PDB file of N, CA and C in Angstrom:
ATOM      1  N   MET A   1     -33.918  76.961 -27.270  1.00  0.00           N
ATOM      2  CA  MET A   1     -33.013  77.900 -27.884  1.00  0.00           C
ATOM      3  C   MET A   1     -33.529  78.371 -29.242  1.00  0.00           C
ATOM      4  N   GLN A   2     -34.164  77.462 -29.968  1.00  0.00           N
ATOM      5  CA  GLN A   2     -34.699  77.849 -31.266  1.00  0.00           C
ATOM      6  C   GLN A   2     -35.845  78.836 -31.124  1.00  0.00           C
ATOM      7  N   LEU A   3     -36.595  78.741 -30.035  1.00  0.00           N
ATOM      8  CA  LEU A   3     -37.685  79.678 -29.797  1.00  0.00           C
ATOM      9  C   LEU A   3     -37.140  81.089 -29.582  1.00  0.00           C
ATOM     10  N   ILE A   4     -36.013  81.188 -28.894  1.00  0.00           N
ATOM     11  CA  ILE A   4     -35.390  82.501 -28.677  1.00  0.00           C
ATOM     12  C   ILE A   4     -34.959  83.104 -30.012  1.00  0.00           C
ATOM     13  N   TYR A   5     -34.364  82.287 -30.876  1.00  0.00           N
ATOM     14  CA  TYR A   5     -33.959  82.775 -32.193  1.00  0.00           C
ATOM     15  C   TYR A   5     -35.163  83.194 -33.027  1.00  0.00           C
ATOM     16  N   LEU A   6     -36.247  82.445 -32.916  1.00  0.00           N
ATOM     17  CA  LEU A   6     -37.461  82.786 -33.657  1.00  0.00           C
ATOM     18  C   LEU A   6     -38.035  84.114 -33.174  1.00  0.00           C
ATOM     19  N   VAL A   7     -38.100  84.298 -31.873  1.00  0.00           N
ATOM     20  CA  VAL A   7     -38.620  85.550 -31.323  1.00  0.00           C
ATOM     21  C   VAL A   7     -37.717  86.718 -31.714  1.00  0.00           C
ATOM     22  N   LEU A   8     -36.403  86.510 -31.661  1.00  0.00           N
ATOM     23  CA  LEU A   8     -35.469  87.560 -32.049  1.00  0.00           C
ATOM     24  C   LEU A   8     -35.622  87.911 -33.531  1.00  0.00           C
ATOM     25  N   ALA A   9     -35.744  86.902 -34.376  1.00  0.00           N
ATOM     26  CA  ALA A   9     -35.906  87.148 -35.813  1.00  0.00           C
ATOM     27  C   ALA A   9     -37.212  87.877 -36.101  1.00  0.00           C
ATOM     28  N   LEU A  10     -38.300  87.495 -35.451  1.00  0.00           N
ATOM     29  CA  LEU A  10     -39.583  88.174 -35.665  1.00  0.00           C
ATOM     30  C   LEU A  10     -39.542  89.615 -35.157  1.00  0.00           C
ATOM     31  N   THR A  11     -38.854  89.833 -34.061  1.00  0.00           N
ATOM     32  CA  THR A  11     -38.724  91.201 -33.540  1.00  0.00           C
ATOM     33  C   THR A  11     -37.957  92.091 -34.515  1.00  0.00           C
ATOM     34  N   ILE A  12     -36.865  91.582 -35.047  1.00  0.00           N
ATOM     35  CA  ILE A  12     -36.083  92.357 -36.017  1.00  0.00           C
ATOM     36  C   ILE A  12     -36.889  92.579 -37.290  1.00  0.00           C
ATOM     37  N   PHE A  13     -37.631  91.558 -37.723  1.00  0.00           N
ATOM     38  CA  PHE A  13     -38.453  91.684 -38.929  1.00  0.00           C
ATOM     39  C   PHE A  13     -39.513  92.763 -38.762  1.00  0.00           C
ATOM     40  N   VAL A  14     -40.189  92.768 -37.616  1.00  0.00           N
ATOM     41  CA  VAL A  14     -41.219  93.787 -37.365  1.00  0.00           C
ATOM     42  C   VAL A  14     -40.585  95.166 -37.234  1.00  0.00           C
ATOM     43  N   ALA A  15     -39.459  95.255 -36.537  1.00  0.00           N
ATOM     44  CA  ALA A  15     -38.791  96.552 -36.374  1.00  0.00           C
ATOM     45  C   ALA A  15     -38.314  97.096 -37.709  1.00  0.00           C
ATOM     46  N   HIS A  16     -37.948  96.197 -38.625  1.00  0.00           N
ATOM     47  CA  HIS A  16     -37.486  96.625 -39.951  1.00  0.00           C
ATOM     48  C   HIS A  16     -38.573  97.396 -40.692  1.00  0.00           C
ATOM     49  N   PHE A  17     -39.825  97.033 -40.495  1.00  0.00           N
ATOM     50  CA  PHE A  17     -40.922  97.731 -41.165  1.00  0.00           C
ATOM     51  C   PHE A  17     -41.520  98.849 -40.316  1.00  0.00           C
ATOM     52  N   VAL A  18     -41.556  98.671 -39.006  1.00  0.00           N
ATOM     53  CA  VAL A  18     -42.221  99.645 -38.135  1.00  0.00           C
ATOM     54  C   VAL A  18     -41.409 100.932 -37.994  1.00  0.00           C
ATOM     55  N   MET A  19     -40.101 100.816 -37.811  1.00  0.00           N
ATOM     56  CA  MET A  19     -39.294 102.023 -37.587  1.00  0.00           C
ATOM     57  C   MET A  19     -39.335 102.991 -38.778  1.00  0.00           C
ATOM     58  N   PRO A  20     -39.132 102.537 -40.022  1.00  0.00           N
ATOM     59  CA  PRO A  20     -39.253 103.493 -41.135  1.00  0.00           C
ATOM     60  C   PRO A  20     -40.661 104.073 -41.268  1.00  0.00           C
ATOM     61  N   TRP A  21     -41.684 103.277 -40.992  1.00  0.00           N
ATOM     62  CA  TRP A  21     -43.059 103.782 -41.061  1.00  0.00           C
ATOM     63  C   TRP A  21     -43.290 104.841 -39.995  1.00  0.00           C
ATOM     64  N   TRP A  22     -42.775 104.603 -38.791  1.00  0.00           N
ATOM     65  CA  TRP A  22     -42.957 105.551 -37.695  1.00  0.00           C
ATOM     66  C   TRP A  22     -42.244 106.867 -38.004  1.00  0.00           C
ATOM     67  N   VAL A  23     -41.023 106.793 -38.528  1.00  0.00           N
ATOM     68  CA  VAL A  23     -40.285 108.017 -38.875  1.00  0.00           C
ATOM     69  C   VAL A  23     -40.984 108.750 -40.023  1.00  0.00           C
ATOM     70  N   LEU A  24     -41.550 108.003 -40.969  1.00  0.00           N
ATOM     71  CA  LEU A  24     -42.297 108.635 -42.062  1.00  0.00           C
ATOM     72  C   LEU A  24     -43.518 109.375 -41.528  1.00  0.00           C
ATOM     73  N   GLN A  25     -44.241 108.773 -40.594  1.00  0.00           N
ATOM     74  CA  GLN A  25     -45.392 109.452 -39.999  1.00  0.00           C
ATOM     75  C   GLN A  25     -44.959 110.681 -39.210  1.00  0.00           C
ATOM     76  N   TRP A  26     -43.840 110.582 -38.530  1.00  0.00           N
ATOM     77  CA  TRP A  26     -43.301 111.719 -37.782  1.00  0.00           C
ATOM     78  C   TRP A  26     -42.951 112.854 -38.747  1.00  0.00           C
ATOM     79  N   ALA A  27     -42.348 112.516 -39.881  1.00  0.00           N
ATOM     80  CA  ALA A  27     -41.996 113.539 -40.873  1.00  0.00           C
ATOM     81  C   ALA A  27     -43.246 114.189 -41.449  1.00  0.00           C
ATOM     82  N   ARG A  28     -44.296 113.414 -41.628  1.00  0.00           N
ATOM     83  CA  ARG A  28     -45.544 113.999 -42.147  1.00  0.00           C
ATOM     84  C   ARG A  28     -46.182 114.953 -41.157  1.00  0.00           C
ATOM     85  N   ARG A  29     -46.000 114.706 -39.860  1.00  0.00           N
ATOM     86  CA  ARG A  29     -46.535 115.624 -38.855  1.00  0.00           C
ATOM     87  C   ARG A  29     -45.694 116.893 -38.764  1.00  0.00           C
ATOM     88  N   VAL A  30     -44.384 116.779 -38.971  1.00  0.00           N
ATOM     89  CA  VAL A  30     -43.477 117.926 -38.821  1.00  0.00           C
ATOM     90  C   VAL A  30     -43.520 118.831 -40.047  1.00  0.00           C
ATOM     91  N   ALA A  31     -43.612 118.253 -41.237  1.00  0.00           N
ATOM     92  CA  ALA A  31     -43.503 119.028 -42.474  1.00  0.00           C
ATOM     93  C   ALA A  31     -44.523 120.164 -42.583  1.00  0.00           C
ATOM     94  N   PRO A  32     -45.811 119.954 -42.293  1.00  0.00           N
ATOM     95  CA  PRO A  32     -46.729 121.098 -42.398  1.00  0.00           C
ATOM     96  C   PRO A  32     -46.471 122.177 -41.344  1.00  0.00           C
ATOM     97  N   ALA A  33     -45.970 121.782 -40.166  1.00  0.00           N
ATOM     98  CA  ALA A  33     -45.744 122.759 -39.098  1.00  0.00           C
ATOM     99  C   ALA A  33     -44.566 123.670 -39.417  1.00  0.00           C
ATOM    100  N   SER A  34     -43.507 123.120 -39.966  1.00  0.00           N
ATOM    101  CA  SER A  34     -42.354 123.951 -40.335  1.00  0.00           C
ATOM    102  C   SER A  34     -41.964 123.609 -41.769  1.00  0.00           C
ATOM    103  N   ASP A  35     -42.384 124.456 -42.679  1.00  0.00           N
ATOM    104  CA  ASP A  35     -42.128 124.216 -44.094  1.00  0.00           C
ATOM    105  C   ASP A  35     -40.761 124.792 -44.452  1.00  0.00           C
ATOM    106  N   THR A  36     -39.723 124.061 -44.064  1.00  0.00           N
ATOM    107  CA  THR A  36     -38.355 124.473 -44.363  1.00  0.00           C
ATOM    108  C   THR A  36     -37.705 123.421 -45.252  1.00  0.00           C
ATOM    109  N   ALA A  37     -36.544 123.756 -45.748  1.00  0.00           N
ATOM    110  CA  ALA A  37     -35.814 122.793 -46.580  1.00  0.00           C
ATOM    111  C   ALA A  37     -35.421 121.566 -45.765  1.00  0.00           C
ATOM    112  N   ALA A  38     -35.076 121.766 -44.496  1.00  0.00           N
ATOM    113  CA  ALA A  38     -34.693 120.637 -43.646  1.00  0.00           C
ATOM    114  C   ALA A  38     -35.874 119.703 -43.408  1.00  0.00           C
ATOM    115  N   ALA A  39     -37.065 120.263 -43.235  1.00  0.00           N
ATOM    116  CA  ALA A  39     -38.248 119.423 -43.034  1.00  0.00           C
ATOM    117  C   ALA A  39     -38.574 118.638 -44.298  1.00  0.00           C
ATOM    118  N   ARG A  40     -38.428 119.276 -45.455  1.00  0.00           N
ATOM    119  CA  ARG A  40     -38.672 118.559 -46.715  1.00  0.00           C
ATOM    120  C   ARG A  40     -37.620 117.479 -46.940  1.00  0.00           C
ATOM    121  N   LEU A  41     -36.368 117.756 -46.588  1.00  0.00           N
ATOM    122  CA  LEU A  41     -35.311 116.758 -46.708  1.00  0.00           C
ATOM    123  C   LEU A  41     -35.577 115.576 -45.776  1.00  0.00           C
ATOM    124  N   ALA A  42     -36.008 115.862 -44.562  1.00  0.00           N
ATOM    125  CA  ALA A  42     -36.331 114.786 -43.624  1.00  0.00           C
ATOM    126  C   ALA A  42     -37.483 113.942 -44.148  1.00  0.00           C
ATOM    127  N   GLY A  43     -38.470 114.586 -44.742  1.00  0.00           N
ATOM    128  CA  GLY A  43     -39.579 113.837 -45.333  1.00  0.00           C
ATOM    129  C   GLY A  43     -39.128 112.963 -46.489  1.00  0.00           C
ATOM    130  N   GLY A  44     -38.242 113.489 -47.319  1.00  0.00           N
ATOM    131  CA  GLY A  44     -37.716 112.699 -48.437  1.00  0.00           C
ATOM    132  C   GLY A  44     -36.880 111.521 -47.971  1.00  0.00           C
ATOM    133  N   LEU A  45     -36.040 111.750 -46.960  1.00  0.00           N
ATOM    134  CA  LEU A  45     -35.234 110.653 -46.409  1.00  0.00           C
ATOM    135  C   LEU A  45     -36.114 109.591 -45.769  1.00  0.00           C
ATOM    136  N   ALA A  46     -37.148 110.027 -45.061  1.00  0.00           N
ATOM    137  CA  ALA A  46     -38.065 109.067 -44.439  1.00  0.00           C
ATOM    138  C   ALA A  46     -38.810 108.265 -45.496  1.00  0.00           C
ATOM    139  N   MET A  47     -39.214 108.915 -46.579  1.00  0.00           N
ATOM    140  CA  MET A  47     -39.900 108.212 -47.665  1.00  0.00           C
ATOM    141  C   MET A  47     -38.966 107.204 -48.327  1.00  0.00           C
ATOM    142  N   MET A  48     -37.712 107.603 -48.557  1.00  0.00           N
ATOM    143  CA  MET A  48     -36.736 106.672 -49.140  1.00  0.00           C
ATOM    144  C   MET A  48     -36.490 105.487 -48.217  1.00  0.00           C
ATOM    145  N   GLY A  49     -36.357 105.750 -46.922  1.00  0.00           N
ATOM    146  CA  GLY A  49     -36.146 104.666 -45.969  1.00  0.00           C
ATOM    147  C   GLY A  49     -37.293 103.684 -45.964  1.00  0.00           C
ATOM    148  N   PHE A  50     -38.519 104.198 -45.994  1.00  0.00           N
ATOM    149  CA  PHE A  50     -39.683 103.312 -46.001  1.00  0.00           C
ATOM    150  C   PHE A  50     -39.782 102.538 -47.307  1.00  0.00           C
ATOM    151  N   ALA A  51     -39.531 103.200 -48.420  1.00  0.00           N
ATOM    152  CA  ALA A  51     -39.620 102.525 -49.720  1.00  0.00           C
ATOM    153  C   ALA A  51     -38.577 101.414 -49.846  1.00  0.00           C
ATOM    154  N   VAL A  52     -37.357 101.691 -49.400  1.00  0.00           N
ATOM    155  CA  VAL A  52     -36.312 100.670 -49.485  1.00  0.00           C
ATOM    156  C   VAL A  52     -36.577  99.543 -48.494  1.00  0.00           C
ATOM    157  N   ALA A  53     -37.148  99.867 -47.331  1.00  0.00           N
ATOM    158  CA  ALA A  53     -37.484  98.820 -46.357  1.00  0.00           C
ATOM    159  C   ALA A  53     -38.533  97.867 -46.911  1.00  0.00           C
ATOM    160  N   VAL A  54     -39.482  98.398 -47.647  1.00  0.00           N
ATOM    161  CA  VAL A  54     -40.504  97.551 -48.258  1.00  0.00           C
ATOM    162  C   VAL A  54     -39.928  96.769 -49.439  1.00  0.00           C
ATOM    163  N   ALA A  55     -39.000  97.379 -50.171  1.00  0.00           N
ATOM    164  CA  ALA A  55     -38.437  96.728 -51.354  1.00  0.00           C
ATOM    165  C   ALA A  55     -37.396  95.662 -51.030  1.00  0.00           C
ATOM    166  N   ALA A  56     -36.786  95.715 -49.853  1.00  0.00           N
ATOM    167  CA  ALA A  56     -35.704  94.773 -49.521  1.00  0.00           C
ATOM    168  C   ALA A  56     -36.148  93.307 -49.602  1.00  0.00           C
ATOM    169  N   PRO A  57     -37.260  92.915 -48.989  1.00  0.00           N
ATOM    170  CA  PRO A  57     -37.677  91.508 -49.123  1.00  0.00           C
ATOM    171  C   PRO A  57     -38.067  91.145 -50.549  1.00  0.00           C
ATOM    172  N   VAL A  58     -38.601  92.097 -51.285  1.00  0.00           N
ATOM    173  CA  VAL A  58     -38.983  91.837 -52.674  1.00  0.00           C
ATOM    174  C   VAL A  58     -37.738  91.554 -53.521  1.00  0.00           C
ATOM    175  N   VAL A  59     -36.665  92.300 -53.271  1.00  0.00           N
ATOM    176  CA  VAL A  59     -35.411  92.079 -54.000  1.00  0.00           C
ATOM    177  C   VAL A  59     -34.891  90.668 -53.738  1.00  0.00           C
ATOM    178  N   VAL A  60     -34.909  90.252 -52.481  1.00  0.00           N
ATOM    179  CA  VAL A  60     -34.420  88.916 -52.138  1.00  0.00           C
ATOM    180  C   VAL A  60     -35.282  87.844 -52.808  1.00  0.00           C
ATOM    181  N   LEU A  61     -36.590  88.017 -52.809  1.00  0.00           N
ATOM    182  CA  LEU A  61     -37.466  87.027 -53.442  1.00  0.00           C
ATOM    183  C   LEU A  61     -37.258  86.962 -54.948  1.00  0.00           C
ATOM    184  N   VAL A  62     -37.125  88.104 -55.589  1.00  0.00           N
ATOM    185  CA  VAL A  62     -36.938  88.116 -57.044  1.00  0.00           C
ATOM    186  C   VAL A  62     -35.622  87.452 -57.428  1.00  0.00           C
ATOM    187  N   VAL A  63     -34.554  87.768 -56.709  1.00  0.00           N
ATOM    188  CA  VAL A  63     -33.263  87.146 -57.024  1.00  0.00           C
ATOM    189  C   VAL A  63     -33.303  85.651 -56.738  1.00  0.00           C
ATOM    190  N   SER A  64     -33.977  85.243 -55.682  1.00  0.00           N
ATOM    191  CA  SER A  64     -34.087  83.815 -55.363  1.00  0.00           C
ATOM    192  C   SER A  64     -34.881  83.065 -56.430  1.00  0.00           C
ATOM    193  N   ILE A  65     -35.973  83.640 -56.881  1.00  0.00           N
ATOM    194  CA  ILE A  65     -36.778  82.996 -57.924  1.00  0.00           C
ATOM    195  C   ILE A  65     -36.012  82.952 -59.241  1.00  0.00           C
ATOM    196  N   ALA A  66     -35.307  84.028 -59.546  1.00  0.00           N
ATOM    197  CA  ALA A  66     -34.512  84.047 -60.777  1.00  0.00           C
ATOM    198  C   ALA A  66     -33.403  82.998 -60.743  1.00  0.00           C
ATOM    199  N   SER A  67     -32.827  82.789 -59.566  1.00  0.00           N
ATOM    200  CA  SER A  67     -31.767  81.778 -59.469  1.00  0.00           C
ATOM    201  C   SER A  67     -32.327  80.387 -59.675  1.00  0.00           C
ATOM    202  N   GLY A  68     -33.529  80.135 -59.199  1.00  0.00           N
ATOM    203  CA  GLY A  68     -34.156  78.833 -59.441  1.00  0.00           C
ATOM    204  C   GLY A  68     -34.450  78.610 -60.910  1.00  0.00           C
ATOM    205  N   ALA A  69     -34.842  79.659 -61.588  1.00  0.00           N
ATOM    206  CA  ALA A  69     -35.144  79.535 -63.018  1.00  0.00           C
ATOM    207  C   ALA A  69     -33.874  79.377 -63.846  1.00  0.00           C
ATOM    208  N   MET A  70     -32.772  79.958 -63.397  1.00  0.00           N
ATOM    209  CA  MET A  70     -31.532  79.890 -64.156  1.00  0.00           C
ATOM    210  C   MET A  70     -30.911  78.495 -64.160  1.00  0.00           C
ATOM    211  N   VAL A  71     -31.145  77.730 -63.103  1.00  0.00           N
ATOM    212  CA  VAL A  71     -30.496  76.416 -62.995  1.00  0.00           C
ATOM    213  C   VAL A  71     -31.444  75.272 -63.329  1.00  0.00           C
ATOM    214  N   ALA A  72     -32.527  75.575 -63.980  1.00  0.00           N
ATOM    215  CA  ALA A  72     -33.545  74.547 -64.229  1.00  0.00           C
ATOM    216  C   ALA A  72     -33.027  73.395 -65.086  1.00  0.00           C
ATOM    217  N   GLY A  73     -32.222  73.670 -66.091  1.00  0.00           N
ATOM    218  CA  GLY A  73     -31.788  72.615 -66.985  1.00  0.00           C
ATOM    219  C   GLY A  73     -30.355  72.157 -66.780  1.00  0.00           C
ATOM    220  N   ALA A  74     -29.709  72.566 -65.712  1.00  0.00           N
ATOM    221  CA  ALA A  74     -28.294  72.249 -65.512  1.00  0.00           C
ATOM    222  C   ALA A  74     -28.133  70.902 -64.809  1.00  0.00           C
ATOM    223  N   ASP A  75     -26.921  70.340 -64.901  1.00  0.00           N
ATOM    224  CA  ASP A  75     -26.647  69.100 -64.176  1.00  0.00           C
ATOM    225  C   ASP A  75     -26.483  69.412 -62.694  1.00  0.00           C
ATOM    226  N   SER A  76     -26.455  68.378 -61.854  1.00  0.00           N
ATOM    227  CA  SER A  76     -26.539  68.589 -60.407  1.00  0.00           C
ATOM    228  C   SER A  76     -25.316  69.314 -59.833  1.00  0.00           C
ATOM    229  N   ALA A  77     -24.133  69.072 -60.339  1.00  0.00           N
ATOM    230  CA  ALA A  77     -22.944  69.739 -59.792  1.00  0.00           C
ATOM    231  C   ALA A  77     -22.961  71.238 -60.092  1.00  0.00           C
ATOM    232  N   SER A  78     -23.236  71.575 -61.322  1.00  0.00           N
ATOM    233  CA  SER A  78     -23.281  73.002 -61.656  1.00  0.00           C
ATOM    234  C   SER A  78     -24.520  73.669 -61.064  1.00  0.00           C
ATOM    235  N   ARG A  79     -25.590  72.905 -60.874  1.00  0.00           N
ATOM    236  CA  ARG A  79     -26.798  73.454 -60.243  1.00  0.00           C
ATOM    237  C   ARG A  79     -26.499  73.869 -58.808  1.00  0.00           C
ATOM    238  N   ALA A  80     -25.796  73.008 -58.063  1.00  0.00           N
ATOM    239  CA  ALA A  80     -25.467  73.331 -56.674  1.00  0.00           C
ATOM    240  C   ALA A  80     -24.553  74.551 -56.591  1.00  0.00           C
ATOM    241  N   THR A  81     -23.583  74.616 -57.480  1.00  0.00           N
ATOM    242  CA  THR A  81     -22.667  75.755 -57.486  1.00  0.00           C
ATOM    243  C   THR A  81     -23.404  77.046 -57.825  1.00  0.00           C
ATOM    244  N   GLU A  82     -24.241  76.991 -58.827  1.00  0.00           N
ATOM    245  CA  GLU A  82     -24.982  78.186 -59.253  1.00  0.00           C
ATOM    246  C   GLU A  82     -25.993  78.617 -58.194  1.00  0.00           C
ATOM    247  N   LEU A  83     -26.685  77.667 -57.571  1.00  0.00           N
ATOM    248  CA  LEU A  83     -27.629  78.019 -56.508  1.00  0.00           C
ATOM    249  C   LEU A  83     -26.912  78.655 -55.317  1.00  0.00           C
ATOM    250  N   ALA A  84     -25.746  78.134 -54.963  1.00  0.00           N
ATOM    251  CA  ALA A  84     -24.979  78.727 -53.864  1.00  0.00           C
ATOM    252  C   ALA A  84     -24.550  80.148 -54.210  1.00  0.00           C
ATOM    253  N   ARG A  85     -24.116  80.361 -55.436  1.00  0.00           N
ATOM    254  CA  ARG A  85     -23.692  81.697 -55.861  1.00  0.00           C
ATOM    255  C   ARG A  85     -24.871  82.669 -55.872  1.00  0.00           C
ATOM    256  N   MET A  86     -25.996  82.237 -56.383  1.00  0.00           N
ATOM    257  CA  MET A  86     -27.166  83.117 -56.447  1.00  0.00           C
ATOM    258  C   MET A  86     -27.769  83.369 -55.064  1.00  0.00           C
ATOM    259  N   THR A  87     -27.703  82.373 -54.180  1.00  0.00           N
ATOM    260  CA  THR A  87     -28.172  82.591 -52.808  1.00  0.00           C
ATOM    261  C   THR A  87     -27.304  83.636 -52.115  1.00  0.00           C
ATOM    262  N   SER A  88     -26.009  83.557 -52.342  1.00  0.00           N
ATOM    263  CA  SER A  88     -25.110  84.561 -51.783  1.00  0.00           C
ATOM    264  C   SER A  88     -25.420  85.946 -52.336  1.00  0.00           C
ATOM    265  N   THR A  89     -25.699  86.014 -53.626  1.00  0.00           N
ATOM    266  CA  THR A  89     -26.056  87.290 -54.248  1.00  0.00           C
ATOM    267  C   THR A  89     -27.351  87.838 -53.663  1.00  0.00           C
ATOM    268  N   ALA A  90     -28.342  86.977 -53.482  1.00  0.00           N
ATOM    269  CA  ALA A  90     -29.623  87.419 -52.925  1.00  0.00           C
ATOM    270  C   ALA A  90     -29.460  87.933 -51.502  1.00  0.00           C
ATOM    271  N   MET A  91     -28.666  87.241 -50.717  1.00  0.00           N
ATOM    272  CA  MET A  91     -28.452  87.684 -49.342  1.00  0.00           C
ATOM    273  C   MET A  91     -27.681  88.994 -49.290  1.00  0.00           C
ATOM    274  N   ASN A  92     -26.692  89.153 -50.172  1.00  0.00           N
ATOM    275  CA  ASN A  92     -25.929  90.409 -50.202  1.00  0.00           C
ATOM    276  C   ASN A  92     -26.805  91.575 -50.654  1.00  0.00           C
ATOM    277  N   CYS A  93     -27.640  91.350 -51.666  1.00  0.00           N
ATOM    278  CA  CYS A  93     -28.547  92.417 -52.126  1.00  0.00           C
ATOM    279  C   CYS A  93     -29.549  92.785 -51.032  1.00  0.00           C
ATOM    280  N   GLY A  94     -30.066  91.790 -50.348  1.00  0.00           N
ATOM    281  CA  GLY A  94     -31.009  92.050 -49.262  1.00  0.00           C
ATOM    282  C   GLY A  94     -30.369  92.806 -48.124  1.00  0.00           C
ATOM    283  N   ALA A  95     -29.140  92.419 -47.766  1.00  0.00           N
ATOM    284  CA  ALA A  95     -28.440  93.115 -46.687  1.00  0.00           C
ATOM    285  C   ALA A  95     -28.138  94.559 -47.070  1.00  0.00           C
ATOM    286  N   MET A  96     -27.746  94.778 -48.312  1.00  0.00           N
ATOM    287  CA  MET A  96     -27.474  96.142 -48.771  1.00  0.00           C
ATOM    288  C   MET A  96     -28.748  96.993 -48.705  1.00  0.00           C
ATOM    289  N   ALA A  97     -29.867  96.420 -49.117  1.00  0.00           N
ATOM    290  CA  ALA A  97     -31.127  97.158 -49.071  1.00  0.00           C
ATOM    291  C   ALA A  97     -31.553  97.435 -47.632  1.00  0.00           C
ATOM    292  N   VAL A  98     -31.389  96.465 -46.753  1.00  0.00           N
ATOM    293  CA  VAL A  98     -31.767  96.659 -45.345  1.00  0.00           C
ATOM    294  C   VAL A  98     -30.911  97.756 -44.714  1.00  0.00           C
ATOM    295  N   PHE A  99     -29.609  97.692 -44.929  1.00  0.00           N
ATOM    296  CA  PHE A  99     -28.742  98.699 -44.317  1.00  0.00           C
ATOM    297  C   PHE A  99     -28.981 100.089 -44.900  1.00  0.00           C
ATOM    298  N   SER A 100     -29.276 100.177 -46.183  1.00  0.00           N
ATOM    299  CA  SER A 100     -29.571 101.502 -46.739  1.00  0.00           C
ATOM    300  C   SER A 100     -30.907 102.022 -46.217  1.00  0.00           C
ATOM    301  N   ALA A 101     -31.887 101.139 -46.035  1.00  0.00           N
ATOM    302  CA  ALA A 101     -33.169 101.576 -45.454  1.00  0.00           C
ATOM    303  C   ALA A 101     -32.969 102.089 -44.038  1.00  0.00           C
ATOM    304  N   TRP A 102     -32.189 101.371 -43.251  1.00  0.00           N
ATOM    305  CA  TRP A 102     -31.920 101.828 -41.886  1.00  0.00           C
ATOM    306  C   TRP A 102     -31.132 103.120 -41.889  1.00  0.00           C
ATOM    307  N   GLY A 103     -30.221 103.285 -42.840  1.00  0.00           N
ATOM    308  CA  GLY A 103     -29.448 104.524 -42.927  1.00  0.00           C
ATOM    309  C   GLY A 103     -30.318 105.723 -43.259  1.00  0.00           C
ATOM    310  N   PHE A 104     -31.194 105.568 -44.262  1.00  0.00           N
ATOM    311  CA  PHE A 104     -32.120 106.655 -44.608  1.00  0.00           C
ATOM    312  C   PHE A 104     -33.025 106.992 -43.425  1.00  0.00           C
ATOM    313  N   THR A 105     -33.512 105.967 -42.762  1.00  0.00           N
ATOM    314  CA  THR A 105     -34.406 106.185 -41.624  1.00  0.00           C
ATOM    315  C   THR A 105     -33.685 106.880 -40.485  1.00  0.00           C
ATOM    316  N   LEU A 106     -32.461 106.460 -40.210  1.00  0.00           N
ATOM    317  CA  LEU A 106     -31.695 107.091 -39.135  1.00  0.00           C
ATOM    318  C   LEU A 106     -31.385 108.551 -39.453  1.00  0.00           C
ATOM    319  N   LEU A 107     -30.995 108.832 -40.687  1.00  0.00           N
ATOM    320  CA  LEU A 107     -30.732 110.222 -41.074  1.00  0.00           C
ATOM    321  C   LEU A 107     -31.989 111.088 -40.954  1.00  0.00           C
ATOM    322  N   ALA A 108     -33.125 110.542 -41.385  1.00  0.00           N
ATOM    323  CA  ALA A 108     -34.380 111.295 -41.265  1.00  0.00           C
ATOM    324  C   ALA A 108     -34.738 111.540 -39.809  1.00  0.00           C
ATOM    325  N   ALA A 109     -34.577 110.514 -38.972  1.00  0.00           N
ATOM    326  CA  ALA A 109     -34.904 110.672 -37.550  1.00  0.00           C
ATOM    327  C   ALA A 109     -33.990 111.689 -36.878  1.00  0.00           C
ATOM    328  N   LEU A 110     -32.705 111.655 -37.207  1.00  0.00           N
ATOM    329  CA  LEU A 110     -31.783 112.633 -36.616  1.00  0.00           C
ATOM    330  C   LEU A 110     -32.106 114.056 -37.069  1.00  0.00           C
ATOM    331  N   LEU A 111     -32.459 114.218 -38.329  1.00  0.00           N
ATOM    332  CA  LEU A 111     -32.822 115.536 -38.833  1.00  0.00           C
ATOM    333  C   LEU A 111     -34.120 116.036 -38.200  1.00  0.00           C
ATOM    334  N   LEU A 112     -35.089 115.137 -38.033  1.00  0.00           N
ATOM    335  CA  LEU A 112     -36.343 115.521 -37.379  1.00  0.00           C
ATOM    336  C   LEU A 112     -36.112 115.874 -35.917  1.00  0.00           C
ATOM    337  N   LEU A 113     -35.236 115.131 -35.253  1.00  0.00           N
ATOM    338  CA  LEU A 113     -34.920 115.446 -33.860  1.00  0.00           C
ATOM    339  C   LEU A 113     -34.236 116.810 -33.766  1.00  0.00           C
ATOM    340  N   ARG A 114     -33.359 117.094 -34.708  1.00  0.00           N
ATOM    341  CA  ARG A 114     -32.697 118.408 -34.733  1.00  0.00           C
ATOM    342  C   ARG A 114     -33.711 119.523 -34.958  1.00  0.00           C
ATOM    343  N   LEU A 115     -34.663 119.299 -35.855  1.00  0.00           N
ATOM    344  CA  LEU A 115     -35.717 120.298 -36.086  1.00  0.00           C
ATOM    345  C   LEU A 115     -36.562 120.494 -34.831  1.00  0.00           C
ATOM    346  N   ARG A 116     -36.848 119.418 -34.149  1.00  0.00           N
ATOM    347  CA  ARG A 116     -37.670 119.511 -32.930  1.00  0.00           C
ATOM    348  C   ARG A 116     -36.937 120.283 -31.845  1.00  0.00           C
ATOM    349  N   LEU A 117     -35.633 120.007 -31.691  1.00  0.00           N
ATOM    350  CA  LEU A 117     -34.877 120.716 -30.679  1.00  0.00           C
ATOM    351  C   LEU A 117     -34.672 122.181 -31.043  1.00  0.00           C
ATOM    352  N   ALA A 118     -34.624 122.488 -32.336  1.00  0.00           N
ATOM    353  CA  ALA A 118     -34.436 123.880 -32.763  1.00  0.00           C
ATOM    354  C   ALA A 118     -35.682 124.722 -32.540  1.00  0.00           C
ATOM    355  N   THR A 119     -36.851 124.097 -32.511  1.00  0.00           N
ATOM    356  CA  THR A 119     -38.095 124.862 -32.331  1.00  0.00           C
ATOM    357  C   THR A 119     -38.439 125.090 -30.880  1.00  0.00           C
ATOM    358  N   ARG A 120     -37.679 124.515 -29.980  1.00  0.00           N
ATOM    359  CA  ARG A 120     -37.954 124.721 -28.539  1.00  0.00           C
ATOM    360  C   ARG A 120     -37.484 126.054 -28.060  1.00  0.00           C
TER     361      ARG A 120
END
């Protein structure tokens, strides 16, 4: 059962980086062909989605490291409370970044699909 969870987690992790990259490459192919405001907007949304997708794990790591540094000199009871609070903060920040990256990517993909269907 743990192997299934590991495979599922790795699949989601890879998809988190691959999908925004793929939409960004798609936007780069579309933008020179149709230089419209919608194509530029799709390119900007795809770039934002990719940038936030790359930044999401960095945000979680920075908040996690900062939480370890904040509780370095505290007693064990307050250390546990503070670590739990900061872990919750890191997970919430990471989730917010992941969902915003997926949102930007989805908006860019929908706009690119609309542009593709309009040129047919």
